[in-house]
Amino acid sequence: MADVAPRAEQPKMTIGKAWGVYFACIVGVVLLGFLGAALFHGGAGLLFLIILYLVAGFIMNRLVLRGLVAWHPVYNTVENVSTGKLGMLLVWPVRYPVLFFKLLVVKHL
């Protein structure tokens, strides 16, 4: 008996869709960052930008990482998964293009 109820089958995330979500998050952070800088002054604007950045990283983790990466059962430990997901959350603008490149290399070479 499983502790977790089975999830409904999610549509498969492709590299093309992942790039689309990535660029949408980049554009969203930049545009909403400018809007936040215009509306908020000083520390509130910076706090708004940090929250916006983390929300975009969370969206990338939930939509893209979950759809592209299947964690191997042997290495599916709390340490490995939390390190991977937190690293992707905190520096997502740099790490996601690297992940996409690695996945393309694995798929096509």
C-alpha atoms as a PDB file:
ATOM      1  CA  MET A   1       0.000   0.000   0.000  1.00  0.00           C
ATOM      2  CA  ALA A   2       1.395   3.391  -0.959  1.00  0.00           C
ATOM      3  CA  ASP A   3       1.444   6.346   1.403  1.00  0.00           C
ATOM      4  CA  VAL A   4       0.933   8.790  -1.441  1.00  0.00           C
ATOM      5  CA  ALA A   5      -2.144   8.760  -3.636  1.00  0.00           C
ATOM      6  CA  PRO A   6      -1.293   8.467  -7.326  1.00  0.00           C
ATOM      7  CA  ARG A   7      -1.288  11.755  -9.191  1.00  0.00           C
ATOM      8  CA  ALA A   8      -3.131  12.356 -12.409  1.00  0.00           C
ATOM      9  CA  GLU A   9      -0.813  12.022 -15.385  1.00  0.00           C
ATOM     10  CA  GLN A  10       0.750  15.385 -16.207  1.00  0.00           C
ATOM     11  CA  PRO A  11       1.479  16.385 -19.778  1.00  0.00           C
ATOM     12  CA  LYS A  12       5.154  15.875 -20.560  1.00  0.00           C
ATOM     13  CA  MET A  13       7.318  18.977 -20.416  1.00  0.00           C
ATOM     14  CA  THR A  14       9.494  19.400 -23.511  1.00  0.00           C
ATOM     15  CA  ILE A  15      12.687  21.417 -23.823  1.00  0.00           C
ATOM     16  CA  GLY A  16      10.852  23.879 -26.088  1.00  0.00           C
ATOM     17  CA  LYS A  17       8.083  24.440 -23.541  1.00  0.00           C
ATOM     18  CA  ALA A  18      10.714  24.728 -20.814  1.00  0.00           C
ATOM     19  CA  TRP A  19      12.522  27.462 -22.748  1.00  0.00           C
ATOM     20  CA  GLY A  20       9.195  29.259 -23.186  1.00  0.00           C
ATOM     21  CA  VAL A  21       8.480  29.179 -19.444  1.00  0.00           C
ATOM     22  CA  TYR A  22      12.077  30.267 -18.747  1.00  0.00           C
ATOM     23  CA  PHE A  23      11.855  33.306 -21.048  1.00  0.00           C
ATOM     24  CA  ALA A  24       8.395  34.169 -19.689  1.00  0.00           C
ATOM     25  CA  CYS A  25       9.841  34.173 -16.156  1.00  0.00           C
ATOM     26  CA  ILE A  26      12.806  36.325 -17.231  1.00  0.00           C
ATOM     27  CA  VAL A  27      10.545  38.838 -18.987  1.00  0.00           C
ATOM     28  CA  GLY A  28       8.093  38.794 -16.079  1.00  0.00           C
ATOM     29  CA  VAL A  29      10.798  39.493 -13.505  1.00  0.00           C
ATOM     30  CA  VAL A  30      12.263  42.325 -15.594  1.00  0.00           C
ATOM     31  CA  LEU A  31       8.953  43.990 -16.433  1.00  0.00           C
ATOM     32  CA  LEU A  32       7.393  43.578 -13.004  1.00  0.00           C
ATOM     33  CA  GLY A  33      10.715  44.620 -11.461  1.00  0.00           C
ATOM     34  CA  PHE A  34      10.567  47.919 -13.353  1.00  0.00           C
ATOM     35  CA  LEU A  35       6.940  48.329 -12.332  1.00  0.00           C
ATOM     36  CA  GLY A  36       7.825  47.625  -8.702  1.00  0.00           C
ATOM     37  CA  ALA A  37      10.734  50.079  -8.852  1.00  0.00           C
ATOM     38  CA  ALA A  38       8.351  52.739 -10.138  1.00  0.00           C
ATOM     39  CA  LEU A  39       5.714  52.025  -7.494  1.00  0.00           C
ATOM     40  CA  PHE A  40       7.898  51.313  -4.472  1.00  0.00           C
ATOM     41  CA  HIS A  41      10.886  53.351  -3.378  1.00  0.00           C
ATOM     42  CA  GLY A  42      13.960  52.259  -1.465  1.00  0.00           C
ATOM     43  CA  GLY A  43      13.920  49.002   0.464  1.00  0.00           C
ATOM     44  CA  ALA A  44      10.342  48.115  -0.472  1.00  0.00           C
ATOM     45  CA  GLY A  45      11.276  48.013  -4.167  1.00  0.00           C
ATOM     46  CA  LEU A  46      14.232  45.739  -3.464  1.00  0.00           C
ATOM     47  CA  LEU A  47      12.091  43.457  -1.297  1.00  0.00           C
ATOM     48  CA  PHE A  48       9.486  43.316  -4.081  1.00  0.00           C
ATOM     49  CA  LEU A  49      12.193  42.350  -6.600  1.00  0.00           C
ATOM     50  CA  ILE A  50      13.589  39.615  -4.318  1.00  0.00           C
ATOM     51  CA  ILE A  51      10.114  38.154  -3.743  1.00  0.00           C
ATOM     52  CA  LEU A  52       9.396  38.310  -7.473  1.00  0.00           C
ATOM     53  CA  TYR A  53      12.691  36.533  -8.241  1.00  0.00           C
ATOM     54  CA  LEU A  54      11.934  33.748  -5.750  1.00  0.00           C
ATOM     55  CA  VAL A  55       8.381  33.335  -7.071  1.00  0.00           C
ATOM     56  CA  ALA A  56       9.745  32.954 -10.609  1.00  0.00           C
ATOM     57  CA  GLY A  57      12.241  30.358  -9.343  1.00  0.00           C
ATOM     58  CA  PHE A  58       9.423  28.510  -7.583  1.00  0.00           C
ATOM     59  CA  ILE A  59       7.367  28.504 -10.789  1.00  0.00           C
ATOM     60  CA  MET A  60      10.363  27.152 -12.708  1.00  0.00           C
ATOM     61  CA  ASN A  61      10.840  24.389 -10.143  1.00  0.00           C
ATOM     62  CA  ARG A  62       7.173  23.375 -10.106  1.00  0.00           C
ATOM     63  CA  LEU A  63       6.507  23.509 -13.838  1.00  0.00           C
ATOM     64  CA  VAL A  64       9.819  22.808 -15.537  1.00  0.00           C
ATOM     65  CA  LEU A  65      12.013  20.824 -13.153  1.00  0.00           C
ATOM     66  CA  ARG A  66       9.199  18.473 -12.186  1.00  0.00           C
ATOM     67  CA  GLY A  67       8.341  17.853 -15.848  1.00  0.00           C
ATOM     68  CA  LEU A  68      11.894  17.387 -17.136  1.00  0.00           C
ATOM     69  CA  VAL A  69      13.778  15.557 -14.402  1.00  0.00           C
ATOM     70  CA  ALA A  70      12.890  12.164 -12.974  1.00  0.00           C
ATOM     71  CA  TRP A  71      14.816  11.481  -9.781  1.00  0.00           C
ATOM     72  CA  HIS A  72      16.437   8.058  -9.760  1.00  0.00           C
ATOM     73  CA  PRO A  73      15.147   5.909  -6.845  1.00  0.00           C
ATOM     74  CA  VAL A  74      18.663   5.174  -5.566  1.00  0.00           C
ATOM     75  CA  TYR A  75      19.611   8.859  -5.434  1.00  0.00           C
ATOM     76  CA  ASN A  76      16.169  10.132  -4.396  1.00  0.00           C
ATOM     77  CA  THR A  77      17.336  11.102  -0.907  1.00  0.00           C
ATOM     78  CA  VAL A  78      16.331  14.174   1.056  1.00  0.00           C
ATOM     79  CA  GLU A  79      19.877  15.548   0.767  1.00  0.00           C
ATOM     80  CA  ASN A  80      20.170  15.120  -3.007  1.00  0.00           C
ATOM     81  CA  VAL A  81      16.711  16.347  -3.933  1.00  0.00           C
ATOM     82  CA  SER A  82      16.703  19.318  -1.540  1.00  0.00           C
ATOM     83  CA  THR A  83      20.173  20.407  -2.679  1.00  0.00           C
ATOM     84  CA  GLY A  84      19.147  20.170  -6.314  1.00  0.00           C
ATOM     85  CA  LYS A  85      15.846  21.961  -5.906  1.00  0.00           C
ATOM     86  CA  LEU A  86      17.168  24.724  -3.628  1.00  0.00           C
ATOM     87  CA  GLY A  87      20.096  25.315  -5.971  1.00  0.00           C
ATOM     88  CA  MET A  88      17.716  25.616  -8.906  1.00  0.00           C
ATOM     89  CA  LEU A  89      15.440  27.940  -6.930  1.00  0.00           C
ATOM     90  CA  LEU A  90      18.150  30.354  -5.821  1.00  0.00           C
ATOM     91  CA  VAL A  91      20.140  30.720  -9.057  1.00  0.00           C
ATOM     92  CA  TRP A  92      17.542  29.725 -11.651  1.00  0.00           C
ATOM     93  CA  PRO A  93      18.561  32.204 -14.400  1.00  0.00           C
ATOM     94  CA  VAL A  94      21.972  30.524 -14.656  1.00  0.00           C
ATOM     95  CA  ARG A  95      21.235  26.904 -13.815  1.00  0.00           C
ATOM     96  CA  TYR A  96      18.213  26.273 -16.043  1.00  0.00           C
ATOM     97  CA  PRO A  97      20.034  26.997 -19.355  1.00  0.00           C
ATOM     98  CA  VAL A  98      22.800  24.664 -18.145  1.00  0.00           C
ATOM     99  CA  LEU A  99      20.189  21.992 -17.368  1.00  0.00           C
ATOM    100  CA  PHE A 100      18.559  22.453 -20.783  1.00  0.00           C
ATOM    101  CA  PHE A 101      21.942  22.110 -22.502  1.00  0.00           C
ATOM    102  CA  LYS A 102      22.778  18.948 -20.547  1.00  0.00           C
ATOM    103  CA  LEU A 103      19.379  17.430 -21.378  1.00  0.00           C
ATOM    104  CA  LEU A 104      19.838  18.236 -25.079  1.00  0.00           C
ATOM    105  CA  VAL A 105      23.291  16.615 -25.032  1.00  0.00           C
ATOM    106  CA  VAL A 106      21.916  13.476 -23.355  1.00  0.00           C
ATOM    107  CA  LYS A 107      19.001  13.312 -25.766  1.00  0.00           C
ATOM    108  CA  HIS A 108      20.856  13.933 -29.029  1.00  0.00           C
ATOM    109  CA  LEU A 109      24.385  12.589 -28.549  1.00  0.00           C
END
